[in-house]
Amino acid sequence: MTDHTVKSFHEELEALSTCIAQMGGLTEAQLAGAMESVARRDTELAERTVREDRRVDDLEAEIEQRAIRLIALRQPMASDLREAISSIKISIDLERIGDLAKNIAKRAMVIQNDFDIPVRLIQGISRMGRLAQGQLKQVLDAYANRDATTAMEVWRDDEEIDEMYNSVFRELLTYMMEDPRTIGACTHLMFVAKNIERIGDHATNVAETVRYLVTGETTDDERPKGDITSSTAVRSAS
């Protein structure tokens, strides 16, 4: 392989990493916008957040095309192959996070005029959102630094989002049972909370991919999960 070919190959790998960084930045901004639109009942920000999802989708398609072309033409081995595969896997998770952020923004548009929602419910949702934002930033930093240790910290911390989701879920159920007039708004907030919980799951997926990228090893341990809302709903119904 000539020096020119080697340089060109590494430039293609760097371009993939750059695209992931750009996509990650857009996704972080989209999630931040979605959470702020819920907290402030800001319809304009929510609409802008929904529109931004197209840019995230476009980047996912670009990353997939670049990675497939690199694998087909360069036939990379070992760590270079993991770079290409990981870029596809991470872009898929980031695209899903973007979709979930878009869904949150859409819920914000629905509840914008419902000022009977207790402030502490919105505050609980906001705290959960900040935790998810922190995990997303941390795992993207882990990818940028090829830091498997930090990535696995995100993996282990996912249970914290689950526990917060359980708390918000129970509180919303309580409000709906005590005052049926809140059922509509609280249902939308439940979907917001669930979307945030799913964002945490996708951040965990990225953490597993970063570990694979750096070490070549998959994560076989069972994920620490704390979502008990299914059983909570059953008990409440009975």
Protein backbone atom coordinates (compact mmCIF):
# COMPACT_ATOMS: atom_id res chain seq x y z
CA MET A 1 0.00 0.00 0.00
CA THR A 2 1.52 3.35 -1.04
CA ASP A 3 1.92 6.31 1.31
CA HIS A 4 -0.72 8.15 -0.70
CA THR A 5 -3.18 5.28 -0.33
CA VAL A 6 -2.53 5.02 3.42
CA LYS A 7 -3.02 8.76 3.84
CA SER A 8 -6.24 8.68 1.82
CA PHE A 9 -7.55 5.74 3.85
CA HIS A 10 -6.90 7.48 7.16
CA GLU A 11 -8.53 10.63 5.85
CA GLU A 12 -11.66 8.61 5.11
CA LEU A 13 -11.65 7.20 8.65
CA GLU A 14 -11.21 10.69 10.08
CA ALA A 15 -14.08 11.93 7.92
CA LEU A 16 -16.31 9.27 9.46
CA SER A 17 -15.34 10.37 12.97
CA THR A 18 -15.97 13.99 12.03
CA CYS A 19 -19.44 13.13 10.75
CA ILE A 20 -20.23 11.28 13.98
CA ALA A 21 -19.05 14.29 15.99
CA GLN A 22 -21.20 16.61 13.90
CA MET A 23 -24.22 14.33 14.20
CA GLY A 24 -23.66 14.03 17.94
CA GLY A 25 -23.53 17.80 18.32
CA LEU A 26 -26.79 18.20 16.40
CA THR A 27 -28.45 15.51 18.48
CA GLU A 28 -27.32 17.12 21.74
CA ALA A 29 -28.73 20.46 20.57
CA GLN A 30 -31.97 18.80 19.48
CA LEU A 31 -32.45 17.13 22.87
CA ALA A 32 -31.64 20.37 24.70
CA GLY A 33 -34.16 22.24 22.55
CA ALA A 34 -36.83 19.61 23.13
CA MET A 35 -36.42 19.71 26.91
CA GLU A 36 -36.37 23.51 27.00
CA SER A 37 -39.51 23.67 24.88
CA VAL A 38 -41.30 21.47 27.45
CA ALA A 39 -40.08 23.50 30.42
CA ARG A 40 -40.92 26.88 28.84
CA ARG A 41 -44.00 25.81 26.84
CA ASP A 42 -42.17 27.31 23.86
CA THR A 43 -43.97 26.36 20.65
CA GLU A 44 -41.53 28.15 18.35
CA LEU A 45 -38.56 26.31 19.86
CA ALA A 46 -40.46 23.02 19.69
CA GLU A 47 -41.22 23.53 15.99
CA ARG A 48 -37.59 24.40 15.28
CA THR A 49 -36.48 21.28 17.14
CA VAL A 50 -38.79 19.12 15.04
CA ARG A 51 -37.40 20.63 11.82
CA GLU A 52 -33.81 19.97 12.92
CA ASP A 53 -34.46 16.23 12.83
CA ARG A 54 -34.06 16.24 9.05
CA ARG A 55 -30.41 17.27 9.36
CA VAL A 56 -29.75 14.40 11.75
CA ASP A 57 -31.40 11.94 9.34
CA ASP A 58 -29.30 13.26 6.46
CA LEU A 59 -26.09 12.77 8.43
CA GLU A 60 -27.02 9.21 9.32
CA ALA A 61 -27.48 8.43 5.63
CA GLU A 62 -24.15 10.06 4.79
CA ILE A 63 -22.30 8.12 7.50
CA GLU A 64 -23.79 4.83 6.35
CA GLN A 65 -22.81 5.53 2.74
CA ARG A 66 -19.26 6.55 3.69
CA ALA A 67 -18.77 3.49 5.91
CA ILE A 68 -20.14 1.01 3.36
CA ARG A 69 -18.00 2.52 0.60
CA LEU A 70 -14.93 2.36 2.83
CA ILE A 71 -15.54 -1.31 3.68
CA ALA A 72 -16.22 -2.23 0.06
CA LEU A 73 -13.25 -0.40 -1.47
CA ARG A 74 -10.62 -0.54 1.28
CA GLN A 75 -11.45 -3.89 2.89
CA PRO A 76 -10.18 -2.72 6.29
CA MET A 77 -9.05 -5.16 8.96
CA ALA A 78 -9.06 -5.23 12.77
CA SER A 79 -9.44 -1.82 14.41
CA ASP A 80 -10.05 -0.03 11.11
CA LEU A 81 -12.96 -2.35 10.36
CA ARG A 82 -14.33 -1.69 13.84
CA GLU A 83 -14.16 2.04 13.14
CA ALA A 84 -16.39 1.65 10.10
CA ILE A 85 -18.84 -0.74 11.75
CA SER A 86 -19.02 1.37 14.92
CA SER A 87 -19.75 4.53 12.96
CA ILE A 88 -22.82 2.88 11.42
CA LYS A 89 -24.04 1.55 14.78
CA ILE A 90 -23.54 4.87 16.59
CA SER A 91 -25.23 6.85 13.82
CA ILE A 92 -28.29 4.60 14.09
CA ASP A 93 -28.54 5.25 17.83
CA LEU A 94 -28.04 8.98 17.37
CA GLU A 95 -30.76 9.03 14.73
CA ARG A 96 -33.13 7.32 17.16
CA ILE A 97 -32.24 9.84 19.87
CA GLY A 98 -33.07 12.58 17.38
CA ASP A 99 -36.44 10.95 16.69
CA LEU A 100 -37.18 10.74 20.41
CA ALA A 101 -36.21 14.38 20.91
CA LYS A 102 -38.55 15.28 18.03
CA ASN A 103 -41.34 13.35 19.74
CA ILE A 104 -40.72 15.24 22.98
CA ALA A 105 -40.92 18.55 21.12
CA LYS A 106 -44.22 17.49 19.54
CA ARG A 107 -45.63 16.76 23.01
CA ALA A 108 -44.47 20.20 24.12
CA MET A 109 -46.55 21.74 21.35
CA VAL A 110 -49.64 19.88 22.55
CA ILE A 111 -49.36 20.87 26.23
CA GLN A 112 -48.29 24.47 25.61
CA ASN A 113 -51.60 26.00 26.78
CA ASP A 114 -52.26 23.61 29.67
CA PHE A 115 -51.16 25.73 32.60
CA ASP A 116 -52.86 23.48 35.15
CA ILE A 117 -49.89 21.11 35.08
CA PRO A 118 -48.18 21.26 38.50
CA VAL A 119 -44.79 22.94 38.30
CA ARG A 120 -43.08 20.14 40.20
CA LEU A 121 -44.10 17.63 37.52
CA ILE A 122 -42.37 19.72 34.86
CA GLN A 123 -39.37 20.07 37.16
CA GLY A 124 -39.16 16.28 37.56
CA ILE A 125 -39.27 15.83 33.79
CA SER A 126 -36.60 18.54 33.39
CA ARG A 127 -34.26 16.84 35.89
CA MET A 128 -34.64 13.58 34.04
CA GLY A 129 -33.89 15.36 30.76
CA ARG A 130 -30.74 16.96 32.15
CA LEU A 131 -29.52 13.55 33.28
CA ALA A 132 -30.07 12.12 29.79
CA GLN A 133 -28.30 15.12 28.25
CA GLY A 134 -25.34 14.56 30.55
CA GLN A 135 -25.13 10.89 29.62
CA LEU A 136 -25.30 11.68 25.91
CA LYS A 137 -22.52 14.25 26.20
CA GLN A 138 -20.37 11.89 28.27
CA VAL A 139 -20.70 8.99 25.85
CA LEU A 140 -19.98 11.21 22.84
CA ASP A 141 -16.86 12.47 24.61
CA ALA A 142 -15.92 8.85 25.27
CA TYR A 143 -16.22 8.15 21.54
CA ALA A 144 -14.15 11.19 20.61
CA ASN A 145 -11.41 10.18 23.07
CA ARG A 146 -11.72 6.42 22.36
CA ASP A 147 -12.25 6.01 26.12
CA ALA A 148 -13.85 2.66 26.95
CA THR A 149 -13.69 3.29 30.71
CA THR A 150 -15.80 6.44 30.52
CA ALA A 151 -18.17 4.73 28.10
CA MET A 152 -18.82 1.95 30.60
CA GLU A 153 -19.51 4.53 33.31
CA VAL A 154 -22.42 5.70 31.15
CA TRP A 155 -23.46 2.06 30.71
CA ARG A 156 -23.60 1.55 34.48
CA ASP A 157 -25.34 4.88 35.15
CA ASP A 158 -28.34 4.05 32.95
CA GLU A 159 -30.12 2.63 36.00
CA GLU A 160 -30.26 6.15 37.47
CA ILE A 161 -32.45 7.36 34.59
CA ASP A 162 -34.67 4.29 35.02
CA GLU A 163 -35.13 5.03 38.71
CA MET A 164 -35.99 8.65 37.99
CA TYR A 165 -38.45 7.51 35.33
CA ASN A 166 -40.13 5.21 37.88
CA SER A 167 -40.52 8.15 40.27
CA VAL A 168 -41.97 10.47 37.62
CA PHE A 169 -44.29 7.72 36.38
CA ARG A 170 -45.71 7.08 39.86
CA GLU A 171 -46.18 10.78 40.50
CA LEU A 172 -48.05 11.25 37.23
CA LEU A 173 -50.27 8.27 38.00
CA THR A 174 -51.09 9.79 41.39
CA TYR A 175 -52.13 13.11 39.86
CA MET A 176 -54.35 11.40 37.29
CA MET A 177 -56.10 9.33 39.95
CA GLU A 178 -56.61 12.33 42.23
CA ASP A 179 -57.81 14.71 39.51
CA PRO A 180 -59.17 13.24 36.24
CA ARG A 181 -58.90 16.68 34.62
CA THR A 182 -55.12 16.22 34.52
CA ILE A 183 -55.27 12.90 32.62
CA GLY A 184 -54.68 14.44 29.18
CA ALA A 185 -51.66 16.55 30.11
CA CYS A 186 -50.17 13.88 32.40
CA THR A 187 -50.46 11.28 29.63
CA HIS A 188 -48.39 13.52 27.34
CA LEU A 189 -45.83 13.98 30.12
CA MET A 190 -45.68 10.20 30.56
CA PHE A 191 -44.75 9.88 26.91
CA VAL A 192 -42.12 12.60 27.36
CA ALA A 193 -40.65 10.73 30.33
CA LYS A 194 -40.65 7.43 28.43
CA ASN A 195 -38.89 9.07 25.48
CA ILE A 196 -36.20 10.37 27.84
CA GLU A 197 -35.80 6.90 29.35
CA ARG A 198 -35.38 5.47 25.84
CA ILE A 199 -32.76 8.12 25.06
CA GLY A 200 -30.82 6.78 28.04
CA ASP A 201 -31.05 3.30 26.54
CA HIS A 202 -29.63 4.52 23.23
CA ALA A 203 -26.79 6.32 25.04
CA THR A 204 -26.08 2.95 26.66
CA ASN A 205 -26.01 1.34 23.21
CA VAL A 206 -23.41 3.89 22.13
CA ALA A 207 -21.39 3.11 25.26
CA GLU A 208 -21.33 -0.58 24.33
CA THR A 209 -20.25 0.31 20.79
CA VAL A 210 -17.42 2.52 22.07
CA ARG A 211 -16.17 -0.35 24.22
CA TYR A 212 -16.27 -2.65 21.20
CA LEU A 213 -14.47 -0.06 19.08
CA VAL A 214 -11.65 0.41 21.59
CA THR A 215 -11.20 -3.14 22.88
CA GLY A 216 -12.73 -5.36 20.21
CA GLU A 217 -14.86 -6.95 22.94
CA THR A 218 -18.64 -7.01 23.18
CA THR A 219 -20.47 -6.33 26.45
CA ASP A 220 -21.97 -9.62 27.59
CA ASP A 221 -23.03 -8.49 31.06
CA GLU A 222 -26.73 -7.92 31.63
CA ARG A 223 -27.62 -4.26 31.56
CA PRO A 224 -28.52 -2.65 34.89
CA LYS A 225 -32.23 -1.87 34.39
CA GLY A 226 -34.51 -0.22 36.89
CA ASP A 227 -37.72 0.41 34.92
CA ILE A 228 -40.56 -1.13 36.95
CA THR A 229 -43.42 0.84 35.42
CA SER A 230 -45.05 -2.19 33.80
CA SER A 231 -45.61 -3.87 37.15
CA THR A 232 -46.54 -0.51 38.70
CA ALA A 233 -49.27 -0.04 36.11
CA VAL A 234 -50.60 -3.54 36.72
CA ARG A 235 -50.72 -3.06 40.49
CA SER A 236 -52.41 0.32 40.11
CA ALA A 237 -55.03 -1.13 37.80
CA SER A 238 -55.78 -3.94 40.24
